Each structure stands twice: as structure tokens, then as C-alpha cells.
Amino acid sequence: MDNRRLVILDYGVGNLRNLERAFAHVGAAAEISDDPAVVRRATHLILPGVGAFGAAMEELQARRLDGVVQEVVRAGRLLLGVCVGFQMLFEASQEFGRRAGLGLLAGEVTRFPPDIRPVPHVGWNQVAQTRAHPLWRDIPDETFFYFVHSYRPASARPETVIGTTEYGLRYASAAARDNVMGVQFHPEKSHRAGLQLLKNFAALTA
């Protein structure tokens, strides 16, 4: 019996319906919810995010969902952060002053240096797979994914980095530690490769 329960966290930030449709396309039904009881029952939790890190964290905290996310992780359930949701997994961001993140991955998020133009980084770019991980199953190395962001993890621990991207400098565009995973790009906008990554995440077991 399939006992997977995929939940896309609704905290007022992110392209929830696109993610829901993308999971449905690969045969994995995902529920959108902001109900802490529903979130706590998730076997697979997806943390989306668009816009500014600080505003996203404020929304998460205002709805008292930050602690729920951490509870899910401590219970050994699977977590996938997407775009700003990926950045929120780290300890802090320097966007509009230093703002604390969820602290599930070590490191801080910083803006691309001023000599790198244009910012934001928008469009298709390659991800070099720096180590094997189940998220990369059936996805070739150096595959293109779709990005939209101005900030990136600048001090992610090397042992957690599973993918890097070149944009004026090389930065961590995918990371994972145990049951916590995240990608800077938008898999739901990345056509076949992005759908495969979501399928891979849905197929994982804790």
C-alpha cells in the first residue's frame, strides 16, 4: 500500500498550484495545506518560496509553521525546499540585513557580488552534480534547469552540496543532508528534468 503523504506547505508565498500540477503529472498526488495537523502527518513536505527571504520567513513564522517544519524534520520525514524555500533551509540570509532561517542546513545566503550582471539570475542554466544522490536518478549531469534568484548559499558545507551552477561564480544550487533537501531552481518550470526530480523526491522513503 502506498502510504506516502505529500504536502505542499501553504504559507502565502510560492507557486503552489504549479507544484501541485507537476507532482500530479508524475503520478504523485500532493495536498496544499497550512493546517499544522496535516503538515505533521506529511511523509514528504515541500517548502516552496518566491520573493524575498525575509518576507517569506515572516509569513512562515506569523503562521507558526516554522516550528512545524522543524518538527517534521526531527521526526525523520522528508523535506524539499524550492527556490526561496531552499534558501530558508539555511541558518541565515543577508537580504535586507541578516535574517535567521530555519537552520536545517549550515551556511548563509548572500546576494551575488555587484560585479555580476545581470541580477537576478533568470533563465536556464546547468547543474553539475557534485555527488550521487537519489534526487538525480535518471537526470544526466550538467542538465539545464530554470532559475530566478538574486541570492545564493555562499557558505554551504561542502559535504551537503549535491549540485553547483556557474553564474559569474560557482555556487551551491542543490544541497542535501539526511532527510533535508533543497534546490535553488524551479523544478516545476524545468520541463522533463524538473518533473523527474519531483518524481524522484516523491519516490524516496525516510
C-alpha atoms as a PDB file:
ATOM      1  CA  MET A   1       0.000   0.000   0.000  1.00  0.00           C
ATOM      2  CA  ASP A   2       1.215   3.498  -0.838  1.00  0.00           C
ATOM      3  CA  ASN A   3       1.402   5.360   2.460  1.00  0.00           C
ATOM      4  CA  ARG A   4       3.060   8.447   1.028  1.00  0.00           C
ATOM      5  CA  ARG A   5       1.524  11.760   2.020  1.00  0.00           C
ATOM      6  CA  LEU A   6       2.906  14.680   0.039  1.00  0.00           C
ATOM      7  CA  VAL A   7       2.103  18.109   1.431  1.00  0.00           C
ATOM      8  CA  ILE A   8       2.971  21.438  -0.205  1.00  0.00           C
ATOM      9  CA  LEU A   9       3.203  23.971   2.596  1.00  0.00           C
ATOM     10  CA  ASP A  10       0.906  26.960   2.091  1.00  0.00           C
ATOM     11  CA  TYR A  11       2.191  29.966   3.997  1.00  0.00           C
ATOM     12  CA  GLY A  12       1.071  32.585   1.486  1.00  0.00           C
ATOM     13  CA  VAL A  13       4.294  32.518  -0.560  1.00  0.00           C
ATOM     14  CA  GLY A  14       5.076  30.421  -3.626  1.00  0.00           C
ATOM     15  CA  ASN A  15       3.672  28.924  -6.792  1.00  0.00           C
ATOM     16  CA  LEU A  16       1.684  26.214  -5.064  1.00  0.00           C
ATOM     17  CA  ARG A  17      -0.632  25.188  -7.898  1.00  0.00           C
ATOM     18  CA  ASN A  18       2.222  24.763 -10.357  1.00  0.00           C
ATOM     19  CA  LEU A  19       3.948  22.404  -7.930  1.00  0.00           C
ATOM     20  CA  GLU A  20       0.699  20.550  -7.295  1.00  0.00           C
ATOM     21  CA  ARG A  21       0.153  20.058 -11.039  1.00  0.00           C
ATOM     22  CA  ALA A  22       3.763  18.988 -11.563  1.00  0.00           C
ATOM     23  CA  PHE A  23       3.504  16.284  -8.897  1.00  0.00           C
ATOM     24  CA  ALA A  24       0.178  15.137 -10.341  1.00  0.00           C
ATOM     25  CA  HIS A  25       1.823  14.859 -13.759  1.00  0.00           C
ATOM     26  CA  VAL A  26       4.319  12.311 -12.377  1.00  0.00           C
ATOM     27  CA  GLY A  27       1.614  10.366 -10.565  1.00  0.00           C
ATOM     28  CA  ALA A  28       2.186  11.726  -7.073  1.00  0.00           C
ATOM     29  CA  ALA A  29      -0.833  13.446  -5.554  1.00  0.00           C
ATOM     30  CA  ALA A  30       0.219  16.381  -3.374  1.00  0.00           C
ATOM     31  CA  GLU A  31      -2.015  18.251  -0.946  1.00  0.00           C
ATOM     32  CA  ILE A  32      -1.692  22.002  -0.405  1.00  0.00           C
ATOM     33  CA  SER A  33      -2.203  22.870   3.257  1.00  0.00           C
ATOM     34  CA  ASP A  34      -1.465  25.367   6.015  1.00  0.00           C
ATOM     35  CA  ASP A  35      -3.026  23.157   8.689  1.00  0.00           C
ATOM     36  CA  PRO A  36      -0.329  22.168  11.210  1.00  0.00           C
ATOM     37  CA  ALA A  37      -2.058  18.830  11.854  1.00  0.00           C
ATOM     38  CA  VAL A  38      -1.963  17.994   8.140  1.00  0.00           C
ATOM     39  CA  VAL A  39       1.648  19.136   7.813  1.00  0.00           C
ATOM     40  CA  ARG A  40       2.732  16.996  10.772  1.00  0.00           C
ATOM     41  CA  ARG A  41       1.310  13.919   9.051  1.00  0.00           C
ATOM     42  CA  ALA A  42       3.293  14.521   5.858  1.00  0.00           C
ATOM     43  CA  THR A  43       5.791  11.896   4.791  1.00  0.00           C
ATOM     44  CA  HIS A  44       7.081  14.299   2.113  1.00  0.00           C
ATOM     45  CA  LEU A  45       6.921  18.036   2.814  1.00  0.00           C
ATOM     46  CA  ILE A  46       7.606  20.622   0.111  1.00  0.00           C
ATOM     47  CA  LEU A  47       8.605  24.145   1.166  1.00  0.00           C
ATOM     48  CA  PRO A  48       8.109  26.498  -1.809  1.00  0.00           C
ATOM     49  CA  GLY A  49       9.040  30.157  -1.919  1.00  0.00           C
ATOM     50  CA  VAL A  50       9.245  33.191  -4.169  1.00  0.00           C
ATOM     51  CA  GLY A  51      10.262  36.785  -3.498  1.00  0.00           C
ATOM     52  CA  ALA A  52      12.325  37.954  -0.556  1.00  0.00           C
ATOM     53  CA  PHE A  53      13.784  35.659   2.101  1.00  0.00           C
ATOM     54  CA  GLY A  54      12.807  37.944   4.987  1.00  0.00           C
ATOM     55  CA  ALA A  55       9.198  38.309   3.904  1.00  0.00           C
ATOM     56  CA  ALA A  56       8.900  34.552   3.386  1.00  0.00           C
ATOM     57  CA  MET A  57      10.310  33.785   6.850  1.00  0.00           C
ATOM     58  CA  GLU A  58       7.998  36.372   8.404  1.00  0.00           C
ATOM     59  CA  GLU A  59       4.968  34.719   6.810  1.00  0.00           C
ATOM     60  CA  LEU A  60       6.102  31.277   7.936  1.00  0.00           C
ATOM     61  CA  GLN A  61       6.653  32.490  11.496  1.00  0.00           C
ATOM     62  CA  ALA A  62       3.430  34.533  11.616  1.00  0.00           C
ATOM     63  CA  ARG A  63       1.504  31.348  10.837  1.00  0.00           C
ATOM     64  CA  ARG A  64       3.605  29.434  13.408  1.00  0.00           C
ATOM     65  CA  LEU A  65       4.643  26.961  10.748  1.00  0.00           C
ATOM     66  CA  ASP A  66       8.412  27.332  11.150  1.00  0.00           C
ATOM     67  CA  GLY A  67       8.388  25.122  14.217  1.00  0.00           C
ATOM     68  CA  VAL A  68       6.100  22.634  12.485  1.00  0.00           C
ATOM     69  CA  VAL A  69       8.595  22.278   9.619  1.00  0.00           C
ATOM     70  CA  GLN A  70      11.370  21.617  12.114  1.00  0.00           C
ATOM     71  CA  GLU A  71       9.184  19.046  13.910  1.00  0.00           C
ATOM     72  CA  VAL A  72       8.607  17.197  10.643  1.00  0.00           C
ATOM     73  CA  VAL A  73      12.350  17.077  10.007  1.00  0.00           C
ATOM     74  CA  ARG A  74      13.121  15.892  13.550  1.00  0.00           C
ATOM     75  CA  ALA A  75      10.573  13.115  13.047  1.00  0.00           C
ATOM     76  CA  GLY A  76      12.640  11.888  10.099  1.00  0.00           C
ATOM     77  CA  ARG A  77      10.175  12.898   7.390  1.00  0.00           C
ATOM     78  CA  LEU A  78      11.420  14.138   4.029  1.00  0.00           C
ATOM     79  CA  LEU A  79      11.672  17.853   3.224  1.00  0.00           C
ATOM     80  CA  LEU A  80      12.310  19.537  -0.132  1.00  0.00           C
ATOM     81  CA  GLY A  81      12.915  23.296  -0.300  1.00  0.00           C
ATOM     82  CA  VAL A  82      12.430  25.030  -3.656  1.00  0.00           C
ATOM     83  CA  CYS A  83      13.929  28.401  -4.670  1.00  0.00           C
ATOM     84  CA  VAL A  84      13.488  30.734  -1.667  1.00  0.00           C
ATOM     85  CA  GLY A  85      12.273  27.646   0.202  1.00  0.00           C
ATOM     86  CA  PHE A  86      15.755  26.221  -0.422  1.00  0.00           C
ATOM     87  CA  GLN A  87      17.409  29.369   0.940  1.00  0.00           C
ATOM     88  CA  MET A  88      15.203  29.246   4.050  1.00  0.00           C
ATOM     89  CA  LEU A  89      16.720  25.881   4.961  1.00  0.00           C
ATOM     90  CA  PHE A  90      19.992  27.639   5.818  1.00  0.00           C
ATOM     91  CA  GLU A  91      20.948  29.434   9.014  1.00  0.00           C
ATOM     92  CA  ALA A  92      20.522  32.996   7.768  1.00  0.00           C
ATOM     93  CA  SER A  93      20.312  35.362   4.804  1.00  0.00           C
ATOM     94  CA  GLN A  94      21.924  38.771   4.361  1.00  0.00           C
ATOM     95  CA  GLU A  95      18.935  40.043   2.384  1.00  0.00           C
ATOM     96  CA  PHE A  96      17.852  43.410   3.894  1.00  0.00           C
ATOM     97  CA  GLY A  97      20.066  42.822   6.916  1.00  0.00           C
ATOM     98  CA  ARG A  98      20.852  39.464   8.458  1.00  0.00           C
ATOM     99  CA  ARG A  99      17.692  37.384   8.879  1.00  0.00           C
ATOM    100  CA  ALA A 100      17.584  33.977  10.558  1.00  0.00           C
ATOM    101  CA  GLY A 101      16.450  30.958   8.560  1.00  0.00           C
ATOM    102  CA  LEU A 102      15.295  27.510   9.648  1.00  0.00           C
ATOM    103  CA  GLY A 103      18.836  26.355  10.424  1.00  0.00           C
ATOM    104  CA  LEU A 104      18.376  22.913   8.886  1.00  0.00           C
ATOM    105  CA  LEU A 105      21.475  23.315   6.702  1.00  0.00           C
ATOM    106  CA  ALA A 106      24.671  25.065   7.742  1.00  0.00           C
ATOM    107  CA  GLY A 107      25.590  28.250   5.899  1.00  0.00           C
ATOM    108  CA  GLU A 108      24.380  31.723   4.980  1.00  0.00           C
ATOM    109  CA  VAL A 109      22.666  33.124   1.908  1.00  0.00           C
ATOM    110  CA  THR A 110      24.155  36.210   0.252  1.00  0.00           C
ATOM    111  CA  ARG A 111      23.492  38.303  -2.842  1.00  0.00           C
ATOM    112  CA  PHE A 112      25.536  37.758  -5.981  1.00  0.00           C
ATOM    113  CA  PRO A 113      28.558  40.099  -5.938  1.00  0.00           C
ATOM    114  CA  PRO A 114      27.996  43.565  -7.500  1.00  0.00           C
ATOM    115  CA  ASP A 115      30.286  42.807 -10.453  1.00  0.00           C
ATOM    116  CA  ILE A 116      27.982  40.000 -11.609  1.00  0.00           C
ATOM    117  CA  ARG A 117      25.341  41.234 -14.038  1.00  0.00           C
ATOM    118  CA  PRO A 118      22.524  40.898 -14.658  1.00  0.00           C
ATOM    119  CA  VAL A 119      20.934  40.128 -11.313  1.00  0.00           C
ATOM    120  CA  PRO A 120      18.544  38.473 -10.768  1.00  0.00           C
ATOM    121  CA  HIS A 121      19.821  35.359 -12.448  1.00  0.00           C
ATOM    122  CA  VAL A 122      16.869  34.453 -14.671  1.00  0.00           C
ATOM    123  CA  GLY A 123      16.669  31.619 -17.178  1.00  0.00           C
ATOM    124  CA  TRP A 124      18.069  28.219 -17.969  1.00  0.00           C
ATOM    125  CA  ASN A 125      21.390  27.105 -16.552  1.00  0.00           C
ATOM    126  CA  GLN A 126      23.228  23.867 -15.954  1.00  0.00           C
ATOM    127  CA  VAL A 127      23.587  21.991 -12.687  1.00  0.00           C
ATOM    128  CA  ALA A 128      26.781  19.992 -12.170  1.00  0.00           C
ATOM    129  CA  GLN A 129      26.075  17.016  -9.936  1.00  0.00           C
ATOM    130  CA  THR A 130      28.867  17.099  -7.361  1.00  0.00           C
ATOM    131  CA  ARG A 131      27.924  13.793  -5.767  1.00  0.00           C
ATOM    132  CA  ALA A 132      25.439  10.998  -6.257  1.00  0.00           C
ATOM    133  CA  HIS A 133      22.023  11.490  -4.706  1.00  0.00           C
ATOM    134  CA  PRO A 134      18.609   9.888  -5.271  1.00  0.00           C
ATOM    135  CA  LEU A 135      17.237  13.239  -6.468  1.00  0.00           C
ATOM    136  CA  TRP A 136      19.483  12.885  -9.556  1.00  0.00           C
ATOM    137  CA  ARG A 137      18.171   9.489 -10.592  1.00  0.00           C
ATOM    138  CA  ASP A 138      17.721   9.371 -14.394  1.00  0.00           C
ATOM    139  CA  ILE A 139      18.847  13.017 -14.711  1.00  0.00           C
ATOM    140  CA  PRO A 140      22.107  13.473 -16.655  1.00  0.00           C
ATOM    141  CA  ASP A 141      24.912  15.554 -15.223  1.00  0.00           C
ATOM    142  CA  GLU A 142      25.011  19.172 -16.465  1.00  0.00           C
ATOM    143  CA  THR A 143      21.263  19.178 -17.170  1.00  0.00           C
ATOM    144  CA  PHE A 144      19.623  22.596 -17.601  1.00  0.00           C
ATOM    145  CA  PHE A 145      17.069  23.808 -15.049  1.00  0.00           C
ATOM    146  CA  TYR A 146      15.146  27.073 -14.767  1.00  0.00           C
ATOM    147  CA  PHE A 147      16.362  29.704 -12.267  1.00  0.00           C
ATOM    148  CA  VAL A 148      15.030  33.015 -10.909  1.00  0.00           C
ATOM    149  CA  HIS A 149      17.028  34.445  -7.985  1.00  0.00           C
ATOM    150  CA  SER A 150      19.361  37.176  -6.757  1.00  0.00           C
ATOM    151  CA  TYR A 151      20.754  35.412  -3.679  1.00  0.00           C
ATOM    152  CA  ARG A 152      22.525  32.099  -3.257  1.00  0.00           C
ATOM    153  CA  PRO A 153      24.020  29.985  -0.456  1.00  0.00           C
ATOM    154  CA  ALA A 154      27.553  31.327  -0.204  1.00  0.00           C
ATOM    155  CA  SER A 155      28.862  29.195   2.648  1.00  0.00           C
ATOM    156  CA  ALA A 156      27.086  25.860   2.342  1.00  0.00           C
ATOM    157  CA  ARG A 157      29.082  22.998   3.856  1.00  0.00           C
ATOM    158  CA  PRO A 158      30.823  21.113   1.017  1.00  0.00           C
ATOM    159  CA  GLU A 159      29.597  17.769   2.325  1.00  0.00           C
ATOM    160  CA  THR A 160      25.980  18.887   1.907  1.00  0.00           C
ATOM    161  CA  VAL A 161      26.326  20.247  -1.642  1.00  0.00           C
ATOM    162  CA  ILE A 162      24.976  17.889  -4.303  1.00  0.00           C
ATOM    163  CA  GLY A 163      24.868  20.311  -7.232  1.00  0.00           C
ATOM    164  CA  THR A 164      26.558  23.527  -8.342  1.00  0.00           C
ATOM    165  CA  THR A 165      25.874  26.130 -11.011  1.00  0.00           C
ATOM    166  CA  GLU A 166      28.090  28.706 -12.698  1.00  0.00           C
ATOM    167  CA  TYR A 167      26.829  32.299 -12.881  1.00  0.00           C
ATOM    168  CA  GLY A 168      29.804  34.620 -12.636  1.00  0.00           C
ATOM    169  CA  LEU A 169      30.960  32.302  -9.865  1.00  0.00           C
ATOM    170  CA  ARG A 170      30.200  28.727  -8.917  1.00  0.00           C
ATOM    171  CA  TYR A 171      27.638  28.337  -6.152  1.00  0.00           C
ATOM    172  CA  ALA A 172      25.611  25.588  -4.472  1.00  0.00           C
ATOM    173  CA  SER A 173      22.362  25.175  -6.415  1.00  0.00           C
ATOM    174  CA  ALA A 174      21.317  21.926  -4.697  1.00  0.00           C
ATOM    175  CA  ALA A 175      22.075  20.565  -1.242  1.00  0.00           C
ATOM    176  CA  ALA A 176      21.039  17.688   0.965  1.00  0.00           C
ATOM    177  CA  ARG A 177      21.682  16.412   4.473  1.00  0.00           C
ATOM    178  CA  ASP A 178      19.907  13.259   5.576  1.00  0.00           C
ATOM    179  CA  ASN A 179      16.160  13.896   5.106  1.00  0.00           C
ATOM    180  CA  VAL A 180      16.560  17.607   4.233  1.00  0.00           C
ATOM    181  CA  MET A 181      16.959  18.534   0.552  1.00  0.00           C
ATOM    182  CA  GLY A 182      16.702  21.696  -1.486  1.00  0.00           C
ATOM    183  CA  VAL A 183      17.199  23.128  -4.955  1.00  0.00           C
ATOM    184  CA  GLN A 184      17.662  26.753  -5.997  1.00  0.00           C
ATOM    185  CA  PHE A 185      15.992  26.238  -9.372  1.00  0.00           C
ATOM    186  CA  HIS A 186      12.294  25.680 -10.067  1.00  0.00           C
ATOM    187  CA  PRO A 187      11.737  22.001 -10.934  1.00  0.00           C
ATOM    188  CA  GLU A 188       8.079  22.682 -11.723  1.00  0.00           C
ATOM    189  CA  LYS A 189       9.243  25.055 -14.509  1.00  0.00           C
ATOM    190  CA  SER A 190      12.110  22.859 -15.719  1.00  0.00           C
ATOM    191  CA  HIS A 191      10.216  20.564 -18.081  1.00  0.00           C
ATOM    192  CA  ARG A 192      11.198  16.893 -18.219  1.00  0.00           C
ATOM    193  CA  ALA A 193      14.230  17.091 -15.916  1.00  0.00           C
ATOM    194  CA  GLY A 194      12.328  19.028 -13.268  1.00  0.00           C
ATOM    195  CA  LEU A 195       9.446  16.575 -13.357  1.00  0.00           C
ATOM    196  CA  GLN A 196      11.902  13.710 -12.986  1.00  0.00           C
ATOM    197  CA  LEU A 197      13.412  15.357  -9.901  1.00  0.00           C
ATOM    198  CA  LEU A 198       9.955  15.739  -8.321  1.00  0.00           C
ATOM    199  CA  LYS A 199       9.195  12.125  -9.174  1.00  0.00           C
ATOM    200  CA  ASN A 200      12.469  11.095  -7.544  1.00  0.00           C
ATOM    201  CA  PHE A 201      11.636  13.027  -4.386  1.00  0.00           C
ATOM    202  CA  ALA A 202       8.164  11.522  -4.185  1.00  0.00           C
ATOM    203  CA  ALA A 203       9.653   8.037  -4.519  1.00  0.00           C
ATOM    204  CA  LEU A 204      12.045   8.472  -1.580  1.00  0.00           C
ATOM    205  CA  THR A 205      11.455   6.749   1.731  1.00  0.00           C
ATOM    206  CA  ALA A 206      12.751   8.099   5.018  1.00  0.00           C
END
